Amino acid sequence: MPRYLDEAQSHVSTDAKSRRKLLDQRRMEYRRAIESYAERRQLQQQLLDFPELVAANYLAAAQAPVRRSVQPGR
């Protein structure tokens, strides 16, 4: 009888751990998204200080040849 209880408790413990792990993963994804957004805003703010660089980069990118991925033969 004690073995049955141990197995049931370990199952509950495993479920709780997996639930906690999922919550931690979601929390970290959310945190990374917030950090990424903040970094992009900061970079955008810094780029606004140098509008001539933004224009030069845009022109260089527009004039660059477009690379197409080559699909291997079947």
N, C-alpha and C. Protein backbone atom coordinates (compact mmCIF):
# COMPACT_ATOMS: atom_id res chain seq x y z
N MET A 1 0.81 -1.20 0.00
CA MET A 1 0.00 0.00 0.00
C MET A 1 0.86 1.27 0.00
N PRO A 2 1.91 1.36 0.76
CA PRO A 2 2.72 2.58 0.74
C PRO A 2 3.31 2.86 -0.64
N ARG A 3 3.63 1.80 -1.40
CA ARG A 3 4.19 2.01 -2.73
C ARG A 3 3.19 2.73 -3.63
N TYR A 4 1.94 2.37 -3.52
CA TYR A 4 0.89 3.01 -4.32
C TYR A 4 0.83 4.51 -4.01
N LEU A 5 0.92 4.86 -2.75
CA LEU A 5 0.87 6.27 -2.36
C LEU A 5 2.10 7.01 -2.87
N ASP A 6 3.27 6.37 -2.82
CA ASP A 6 4.49 7.01 -3.31
C ASP A 6 4.39 7.31 -4.80
N GLU A 7 3.86 6.36 -5.56
CA GLU A 7 3.71 6.56 -7.00
C GLU A 7 2.73 7.70 -7.30
N ALA A 8 1.66 7.77 -6.55
CA ALA A 8 0.67 8.82 -6.75
C ALA A 8 1.28 10.18 -6.40
N GLN A 9 2.04 10.24 -5.33
CA GLN A 9 2.67 11.50 -4.94
C GLN A 9 3.72 11.93 -5.95
N SER A 10 4.48 10.97 -6.48
CA SER A 10 5.50 11.34 -7.46
C SER A 10 4.84 11.84 -8.74
N HIS A 11 3.69 11.28 -9.10
CA HIS A 11 2.96 11.74 -10.28
C HIS A 11 2.49 13.17 -10.09
N VAL A 12 1.95 13.46 -8.93
CA VAL A 12 1.49 14.82 -8.63
C VAL A 12 2.68 15.76 -8.61
N SER A 13 3.79 15.31 -8.02
CA SER A 13 4.99 16.13 -7.97
C SER A 13 5.51 16.42 -9.37
N THR A 14 5.49 15.42 -10.25
CA THR A 14 5.94 15.60 -11.62
C THR A 14 5.03 16.59 -12.36
N ASP A 15 3.74 16.48 -12.17
CA ASP A 15 2.81 17.42 -12.80
C ASP A 15 3.06 18.84 -12.32
N ALA A 16 3.28 18.99 -11.04
CA ALA A 16 3.54 20.32 -10.49
C ALA A 16 4.84 20.89 -11.05
N LYS A 17 5.85 20.04 -11.15
CA LYS A 17 7.13 20.50 -11.70
C LYS A 17 7.00 20.89 -13.16
N SER A 18 6.29 20.10 -13.94
CA SER A 18 6.14 20.42 -15.36
C SER A 18 5.30 21.68 -15.54
N ARG A 19 4.28 21.85 -14.71
CA ARG A 19 3.47 23.08 -14.77
C ARG A 19 4.33 24.29 -14.42
N ARG A 20 5.14 24.16 -13.38
CA ARG A 20 6.01 25.25 -12.96
C ARG A 20 7.03 25.57 -14.05
N LYS A 21 7.56 24.53 -14.69
CA LYS A 21 8.53 24.73 -15.77
C LYS A 21 7.89 25.46 -16.94
N LEU A 22 6.67 25.08 -17.29
CA LEU A 22 5.96 25.77 -18.37
C LEU A 22 5.72 27.24 -18.04
N LEU A 23 5.32 27.50 -16.81
CA LEU A 23 5.10 28.88 -16.38
C LEU A 23 6.40 29.68 -16.43
N ASP A 24 7.48 29.07 -16.01
CA ASP A 24 8.78 29.74 -16.05
C ASP A 24 9.20 30.04 -17.49
N GLN A 25 8.95 29.10 -18.40
CA GLN A 25 9.28 29.32 -19.81
C GLN A 25 8.47 30.47 -20.39
N ARG A 26 7.19 30.48 -20.10
CA ARG A 26 6.33 31.58 -20.58
C ARG A 26 6.77 32.91 -20.01
N ARG A 27 7.09 32.91 -18.73
CA ARG A 27 7.54 34.13 -18.08
C ARG A 27 8.83 34.64 -18.72
N MET A 28 9.76 33.74 -19.02
CA MET A 28 11.02 34.14 -19.64
C MET A 28 10.81 34.64 -21.07
N GLU A 29 9.92 34.02 -21.83
CA GLU A 29 9.60 34.50 -23.17
C GLU A 29 9.02 35.91 -23.11
N TYR A 30 8.13 36.13 -22.17
CA TYR A 30 7.53 37.44 -22.01
C TYR A 30 8.59 38.48 -21.63
N ARG A 31 9.48 38.09 -20.73
CA ARG A 31 10.54 39.00 -20.30
C ARG A 31 11.48 39.33 -21.46
N ARG A 32 11.84 38.31 -22.26
CA ARG A 32 12.71 38.54 -23.41
C ARG A 32 12.03 39.46 -24.42
N ALA A 33 10.74 39.29 -24.61
CA ALA A 33 10.00 40.14 -25.55
C ALA A 33 10.02 41.59 -25.07
N ILE A 34 9.84 41.80 -23.79
CA ILE A 34 9.88 43.16 -23.24
C ILE A 34 11.27 43.76 -23.40
N GLU A 35 12.31 42.96 -23.11
CA GLU A 35 13.68 43.46 -23.24
C GLU A 35 14.00 43.78 -24.70
N SER A 36 13.55 42.93 -25.60
CA SER A 36 13.80 43.15 -27.02
C SER A 36 13.10 44.44 -27.48
N TYR A 37 11.89 44.62 -27.04
CA TYR A 37 11.15 45.84 -27.39
C TYR A 37 11.86 47.08 -26.86
N ALA A 38 12.33 47.01 -25.62
CA ALA A 38 13.02 48.14 -25.03
C ALA A 38 14.32 48.44 -25.78
N GLU A 39 15.04 47.39 -26.17
CA GLU A 39 16.29 47.59 -26.92
C GLU A 39 16.02 48.22 -28.28
N ARG A 40 14.96 47.75 -28.96
CA ARG A 40 14.62 48.34 -30.26
C ARG A 40 14.23 49.80 -30.13
N ARG A 41 13.47 50.12 -29.09
CA ARG A 41 13.09 51.53 -28.87
C ARG A 41 14.31 52.38 -28.61
N GLN A 42 15.23 51.86 -27.80
CA GLN A 42 16.45 52.62 -27.49
C GLN A 42 17.29 52.82 -28.75
N LEU A 43 17.43 51.78 -29.56
CA LEU A 43 18.18 51.89 -30.81
C LEU A 43 17.51 52.88 -31.75
N GLN A 44 16.20 52.81 -31.85
CA GLN A 44 15.47 53.74 -32.70
C GLN A 44 15.68 55.18 -32.23
N GLN A 45 15.65 55.39 -30.94
CA GLN A 45 15.88 56.72 -30.38
C GLN A 45 17.28 57.21 -30.71
N GLN A 46 18.26 56.31 -30.60
CA GLN A 46 19.64 56.69 -30.92
C GLN A 46 19.80 57.00 -32.40
N LEU A 47 19.11 56.24 -33.25
CA LEU A 47 19.21 56.49 -34.68
C LEU A 47 18.56 57.81 -35.08
N LEU A 48 17.58 58.24 -34.34
CA LEU A 48 16.93 59.52 -34.65
C LEU A 48 17.89 60.69 -34.49
N ASP A 49 18.94 60.49 -33.69
CA ASP A 49 19.94 61.55 -33.51
C ASP A 49 20.79 61.73 -34.77
N PHE A 50 20.81 60.71 -35.66
CA PHE A 50 21.64 60.76 -36.86
C PHE A 50 20.80 60.39 -38.09
N PRO A 51 19.90 61.27 -38.51
CA PRO A 51 19.01 60.94 -39.63
C PRO A 51 19.77 60.72 -40.94
N GLU A 52 20.93 61.36 -41.11
CA GLU A 52 21.69 61.17 -42.36
C GLU A 52 22.22 59.74 -42.48
N LEU A 53 22.54 59.10 -41.34
CA LEU A 53 22.99 57.71 -41.38
C LEU A 53 21.84 56.76 -41.74
N VAL A 54 20.67 57.08 -41.25
CA VAL A 54 19.50 56.26 -41.58
C VAL A 54 19.23 56.33 -43.07
N ALA A 55 19.29 57.53 -43.64
CA ALA A 55 19.05 57.71 -45.07
C ALA A 55 20.13 57.00 -45.88
N ALA A 56 21.38 57.09 -45.47
CA ALA A 56 22.48 56.44 -46.20
C ALA A 56 22.33 54.93 -46.16
N ASN A 57 21.97 54.38 -45.02
CA ASN A 57 21.77 52.93 -44.92
C ASN A 57 20.59 52.47 -45.77
N TYR A 58 19.56 53.27 -45.82
CA TYR A 58 18.39 52.92 -46.62
C TYR A 58 18.76 52.89 -48.10
N LEU A 59 19.51 53.90 -48.56
CA LEU A 59 19.90 53.95 -49.96
C LEU A 59 20.84 52.79 -50.31
N ALA A 60 21.76 52.47 -49.42
CA ALA A 60 22.69 51.37 -49.67
C ALA A 60 21.93 50.05 -49.77
N ALA A 61 20.96 49.85 -48.91
CA ALA A 61 20.17 48.62 -48.92
C ALA A 61 19.31 48.54 -50.17
N ALA A 62 18.79 49.67 -50.61
CA ALA A 62 17.93 49.69 -51.79
C ALA A 62 18.73 49.39 -53.06
N GLN A 63 19.99 49.80 -53.09
CA GLN A 63 20.83 49.61 -54.27
C GLN A 63 21.52 48.25 -54.29
N ALA A 64 21.55 47.56 -53.17
CA ALA A 64 22.22 46.26 -53.10
C ALA A 64 21.44 45.24 -53.93
N PRO A 65 22.16 44.34 -54.60
CA PRO A 65 21.45 43.32 -55.38
C PRO A 65 20.68 42.37 -54.47
N VAL A 66 19.55 41.93 -54.95
CA VAL A 66 18.71 41.04 -54.18
C VAL A 66 19.25 39.62 -54.32
N ARG A 67 19.51 38.98 -53.20
CA ARG A 67 19.99 37.60 -53.22
C ARG A 67 18.79 36.67 -53.13
N ARG A 68 18.80 35.66 -53.97
CA ARG A 68 17.73 34.68 -53.94
C ARG A 68 18.32 33.35 -53.51
N SER A 69 17.58 32.66 -52.70
CA SER A 69 18.08 31.36 -52.25
C SER A 69 17.91 30.35 -53.38
N VAL A 70 18.93 29.54 -53.56
CA VAL A 70 18.90 28.52 -54.59
C VAL A 70 18.43 27.22 -53.97
N GLN A 71 17.40 26.64 -54.58
CA GLN A 71 16.90 25.38 -54.06
C GLN A 71 17.67 24.24 -54.71
N PRO A 72 18.13 23.30 -53.92
CA PRO A 72 18.88 22.17 -54.51
C PRO A 72 17.99 21.31 -55.40
N GLY A 73 18.60 20.72 -56.42
CA GLY A 73 17.85 19.86 -57.34
C GLY A 73 17.36 18.61 -56.65
N ARG A 74 16.25 18.09 -57.14
CA ARG A 74 15.67 16.92 -56.50
C ARG A 74 16.11 15.65 -57.15
